[in-house]
């Protein structure tokens, strides 16, 4: 497959991923807005909820695993919160959200194990925070005092390290998840892991 075909395939997969996520989000919003879930949340989101209301909540979550996936995935909540606080422009938010969906497709998110999915979510979040920090760095270091410039330099460096570590962690996990071709290689991998710790 040519490079152009590879890019077209990735773009198609990214569009499909976006459609799937948006469809899932819209479906859940349609199902739950002003409905049973809202009433359950109102009755359980207090200091001492009634045990019967807690049971209703648990029954609802058992019956709606899609809601558990959407509401229970804290990585999505954090990502949304970071994006919402960083940008006021709807264009920037939506374009960034789409770019992050493309990143997930390029890293084979849907075909990945649960551990890999968590690492991919972390990579995308670290990427987002790194570039928000880049914006802030360029904005706040113009004519800045030495202390302020050092602060932003350290913040930027920390975000770069965090991003690179998350990428390295995914690469390491994927490498380790492959079946080693021989017992000798498996032993070498095991030794290398114990040395790196």
Protein backbone atom coordinates (compact mmCIF):
# COMPACT_ATOMS: atom_id res chain seq x y z
CA UNK A 1 0.00 0.00 0.00
CA UNK A 2 1.33 3.43 -0.89
CA UNK A 3 1.84 6.26 1.57
CA UNK A 4 -1.17 8.10 0.11
CA UNK A 5 -3.35 5.02 0.55
CA UNK A 6 -2.09 4.64 4.15
CA UNK A 7 -3.07 8.24 4.94
CA UNK A 8 -6.48 7.80 3.30
CA UNK A 9 -7.09 4.62 5.31
CA UNK A 10 -6.09 6.34 8.56
CA UNK A 11 -8.33 9.31 7.79
CA UNK A 12 -11.24 6.98 7.02
CA UNK A 13 -10.68 5.07 10.26
CA UNK A 14 -10.48 8.34 12.20
CA UNK A 15 -13.76 9.53 10.70
CA UNK A 16 -15.40 6.21 11.57
CA UNK A 17 -14.02 6.43 15.12
CA UNK A 18 -15.38 9.97 15.49
CA UNK A 19 -18.78 8.94 14.15
CA UNK A 20 -18.87 5.98 16.52
CA UNK A 21 -17.92 8.09 19.56
CA UNK A 22 -20.28 10.93 18.66
CA UNK A 23 -23.10 8.49 17.94
CA UNK A 24 -22.51 6.75 21.27
CA UNK A 25 -22.41 10.08 23.12
CA UNK A 26 -25.54 11.36 21.36
CA UNK A 27 -27.39 8.10 21.96
CA UNK A 28 -26.55 8.19 25.64
CA UNK A 29 -27.52 11.86 25.95
CA UNK A 30 -30.82 11.17 24.19
CA UNK A 31 -31.54 8.15 26.40
CA UNK A 32 -30.64 9.82 29.66
CA UNK A 33 -31.38 13.52 29.43
CA UNK A 34 -34.22 14.38 31.80
CA UNK A 35 -34.95 10.70 32.27
CA UNK A 36 -34.50 7.91 34.75
CA UNK A 37 -30.75 8.50 35.16
CA UNK A 38 -31.31 12.17 36.01
CA UNK A 39 -33.84 11.20 38.70
CA UNK A 40 -31.47 8.57 40.09
CA UNK A 41 -28.59 11.04 40.19
CA UNK A 42 -30.75 13.57 42.02
CA UNK A 43 -31.78 10.98 44.61
CA UNK A 44 -28.29 9.54 45.19
CA UNK A 45 -26.09 12.61 44.91
CA UNK A 46 -26.43 13.66 48.54
CA UNK A 47 -24.76 13.14 51.91
CA UNK A 48 -26.78 10.06 52.97
CA UNK A 49 -28.75 8.58 50.06
CA UNK A 50 -31.50 6.10 50.77
CA UNK A 51 -30.31 2.48 50.27
CA UNK A 52 -33.20 1.82 47.86
CA UNK A 53 -31.96 4.69 45.66
CA UNK A 54 -28.42 3.26 45.68
CA UNK A 55 -29.88 -0.09 44.57
CA UNK A 56 -31.78 1.70 41.76
CA UNK A 57 -28.49 3.28 40.66
CA UNK A 58 -26.68 -0.07 40.72
CA UNK A 59 -29.52 -1.75 38.80
CA UNK A 60 -29.47 1.03 36.23
CA UNK A 61 -25.70 0.70 35.70
CA UNK A 62 -26.00 -3.10 35.35
CA UNK A 63 -28.69 -2.61 32.71
CA UNK A 64 -26.78 0.10 30.82
CA UNK A 65 -23.13 -0.95 30.34
CA UNK A 66 -22.72 1.81 27.73
CA UNK A 67 -23.40 4.37 30.46
CA UNK A 68 -20.78 2.71 32.66
CA UNK A 69 -18.24 2.88 29.82
CA UNK A 70 -18.98 6.54 29.13
CA UNK A 71 -19.48 7.82 32.67
CA UNK A 72 -16.91 5.57 34.32
CA UNK A 73 -14.02 6.32 31.97
CA UNK A 74 -12.27 8.99 34.00
CA UNK A 75 -9.71 9.54 31.24
CA UNK A 76 -12.52 10.96 29.07
CA UNK A 77 -13.66 13.24 31.90
CA UNK A 78 -10.14 14.58 32.48
CA UNK A 79 -9.52 15.06 28.75
CA UNK A 80 -12.79 16.97 28.35
CA UNK A 81 -12.07 19.11 31.41
CA UNK A 82 -8.56 20.00 30.23
CA UNK A 83 -9.82 20.85 26.75
CA UNK A 84 -12.74 22.94 28.05
CA UNK A 85 -10.52 24.95 30.39
CA UNK A 86 -7.77 25.52 27.85
CA UNK A 87 -9.74 26.91 24.92
CA UNK A 88 -12.77 29.13 24.56
CA UNK A 89 -13.06 28.71 20.80
CA UNK A 90 -15.51 26.01 19.67
CA UNK A 91 -13.45 25.59 16.50
CA UNK A 92 -10.25 24.89 18.43
CA UNK A 93 -12.00 22.50 20.83
CA UNK A 94 -13.68 20.51 18.06
CA UNK A 95 -10.61 20.42 15.82
CA UNK A 96 -8.46 19.29 18.76
CA UNK A 97 -10.99 16.65 19.73
CA UNK A 98 -10.94 15.34 16.14
CA UNK A 99 -7.15 15.35 16.07
CA UNK A 100 -7.07 13.34 19.29
CA UNK A 101 -9.51 10.84 17.74
CA UNK A 102 -7.13 10.56 14.77
CA UNK A 103 -4.26 9.92 17.17
CA UNK A 104 -6.19 7.06 18.77
CA UNK A 105 -6.95 5.52 15.37
CA UNK A 106 -3.29 5.75 14.34
CA UNK A 107 -2.37 3.87 17.55
CA UNK A 108 -5.00 1.12 16.82
CA UNK A 109 -7.09 2.01 19.86
CA UNK A 110 -10.07 -0.21 18.99
CA UNK A 111 -7.88 -3.28 18.43
CA UNK A 112 -5.83 -2.73 21.59
CA UNK A 113 -6.00 -4.49 24.94
CA UNK A 114 -7.40 -2.71 27.99
CA UNK A 115 -3.88 -1.91 29.23
CA UNK A 116 -2.91 -0.49 25.84
CA UNK A 117 -6.12 1.57 25.69
CA UNK A 118 -5.28 3.12 29.05
CA UNK A 119 -1.79 3.96 27.85
CA UNK A 120 -3.13 5.41 24.58
CA UNK A 121 -5.57 7.58 26.55
CA UNK A 122 -2.61 8.75 28.65
CA UNK A 123 -0.53 9.53 25.56
CA UNK A 124 -3.35 11.61 24.09
CA UNK A 125 -3.88 13.47 27.38
CA UNK A 126 -0.14 14.10 27.78
CA UNK A 127 0.01 15.35 24.19
CA UNK A 128 -2.87 17.75 24.92
CA UNK A 129 -1.28 19.05 28.12
CA UNK A 130 2.12 19.41 26.44
CA UNK A 131 0.72 21.61 23.70
CA UNK A 132 -1.39 23.67 26.06
CA UNK A 133 1.80 24.25 28.04
CA UNK A 134 3.55 25.25 24.78
CA UNK A 135 0.84 27.87 24.23
CA UNK A 136 1.22 29.15 27.78
CA UNK A 137 5.02 29.11 27.53
CA UNK A 138 5.00 31.28 24.43
CA UNK A 139 2.38 33.61 25.93
CA UNK A 140 3.87 34.07 29.41
CA UNK A 141 7.60 34.17 28.68
CA UNK A 142 7.54 37.22 26.43
CA UNK A 143 9.34 39.96 28.37
CA UNK A 144 9.08 37.78 31.48
CA UNK A 145 11.25 37.94 34.56
CA UNK A 146 13.91 35.27 34.97
CA UNK A 147 11.86 33.54 37.67
CA UNK A 148 8.76 33.40 35.50
CA UNK A 149 10.74 32.19 32.47
CA UNK A 150 12.36 29.44 34.58
CA UNK A 151 8.97 28.39 35.92
CA UNK A 152 7.56 27.96 32.41
CA UNK A 153 10.74 26.26 31.19
CA UNK A 154 10.44 23.69 33.99
CA UNK A 155 6.72 23.20 33.36
CA UNK A 156 7.33 22.65 29.66
CA UNK A 157 10.20 20.23 30.32
CA UNK A 158 8.06 18.25 32.78
CA UNK A 159 5.24 17.97 30.25
CA UNK A 160 7.67 16.86 27.54
CA UNK A 161 9.10 14.15 29.83
CA UNK A 162 5.62 12.98 30.79
CA UNK A 163 4.60 12.71 27.13
CA UNK A 164 7.76 10.82 26.13
CA UNK A 165 7.42 8.43 29.08
CA UNK A 166 3.83 7.64 28.11
CA UNK A 167 4.88 6.88 24.51
CA UNK A 168 7.75 4.71 25.76
CA UNK A 169 5.42 2.84 28.12
CA UNK A 170 3.05 1.94 25.27
CA UNK A 171 5.96 0.81 23.09
CA UNK A 172 7.33 -1.31 25.95
CA UNK A 173 3.96 -2.93 26.66
CA UNK A 174 3.37 -3.70 23.00
CA UNK A 175 6.84 -5.17 22.67
CA UNK A 176 6.32 -7.35 25.75
CA UNK A 177 2.87 -8.50 24.65
CA UNK A 178 4.25 -10.03 21.48
CA UNK A 179 5.11 -13.71 21.77
CA UNK A 180 8.88 -14.01 21.96
CA UNK A 181 10.26 -16.21 19.17
CA UNK A 182 12.35 -18.34 21.52
CA UNK A 183 12.74 -19.16 25.23
CA UNK A 184 16.21 -17.59 25.20
CA UNK A 185 14.76 -14.26 24.01
CA UNK A 186 12.05 -14.48 26.67
CA UNK A 187 14.75 -14.89 29.31
CA UNK A 188 16.69 -11.91 27.93
CA UNK A 189 13.55 -9.76 27.95
CA UNK A 190 12.82 -10.77 31.52
CA UNK A 191 16.36 -9.89 32.58
CA UNK A 192 16.22 -6.53 30.82
CA UNK A 193 12.94 -5.66 32.54
CA UNK A 194 14.37 -6.50 35.96
CA UNK A 195 17.53 -4.45 35.22
CA UNK A 196 15.46 -1.41 34.17
CA UNK A 197 13.53 -1.43 37.45
